[in-house]
Amino acid sequence: MMMFNRFYTPPVVKNLIIANCIIFLAIRLLPLFNSLMAQYGCLYWFGSPMFHSWQFVTYMFLHASMSHLFFNMFALWMFGRTLEYELGSRRFLLYYVICGVGAALVQMGVVWLTGEYGIQLLGASGAVMGLLLAFGVMHPNNIIMLLIPPIPMKAKWFVVGYAVLELFQGWGGYNPGVAHFAHVGGMLWGWLLLTYWKRSGKIYY
């Protein structure tokens, strides 16, 4: 039986990071590609003439800045390696995509309720928040060291605290350029999928 190596990066996590980085560089270096991604890759509101169904996937590979890309890819690497090892590559990829699409659907629902139809959603944050939720559910007592401030915290409390913070910021209108409800949506869909898999005997934790 293969033992998990904490320094090993499994294929799906590795290829997701590579794809995100390559697309980010291409957008920065190739003006035509930048224009195409802005028009066809970002996720727009259903009623917009710029909306296309594939944007529910492509938006996850676009990032607004280097810091946006870095923190998403760091979290993908940090939590995704363990989860891909435990879930298997196919199930892990399915989980990642469903969380990302689910996050976008939740954000679309909020847009519909608020009437703020000028949505232009991009980033892997919704899918990554699903990974964070999965890590907290499957390894609740593992210690996570926060970056700022550097405080150790059990994974389950970190997940709960992060979800509450995102809800508070979303309802309060803080950082309007951040899709807070997409983050919460990624966690919600992740929890639903994990619950379904556990009850059907496909995973155990």
Foldseek 3Di string as FASTA:
>chain_A
DDDQDLVDADDVLVVLLVQLVVLAVCLVPPVVSVVCCQQAQWAAAPPDPSHDPCNLQSQASDDDDPVLSVVLSVLCSNQVRVVCVQQPVVVSVVLLSQQSSQLVVQLNVVCVVVVVRGDGGHHSLSSSLLSLLVCCVVQVQDWDQDVVVRDIDGSVVVNVVLLVVLVVCVVVVHPVVDSSSSSNRSNVSSVVVVVVCVVVVNHDD
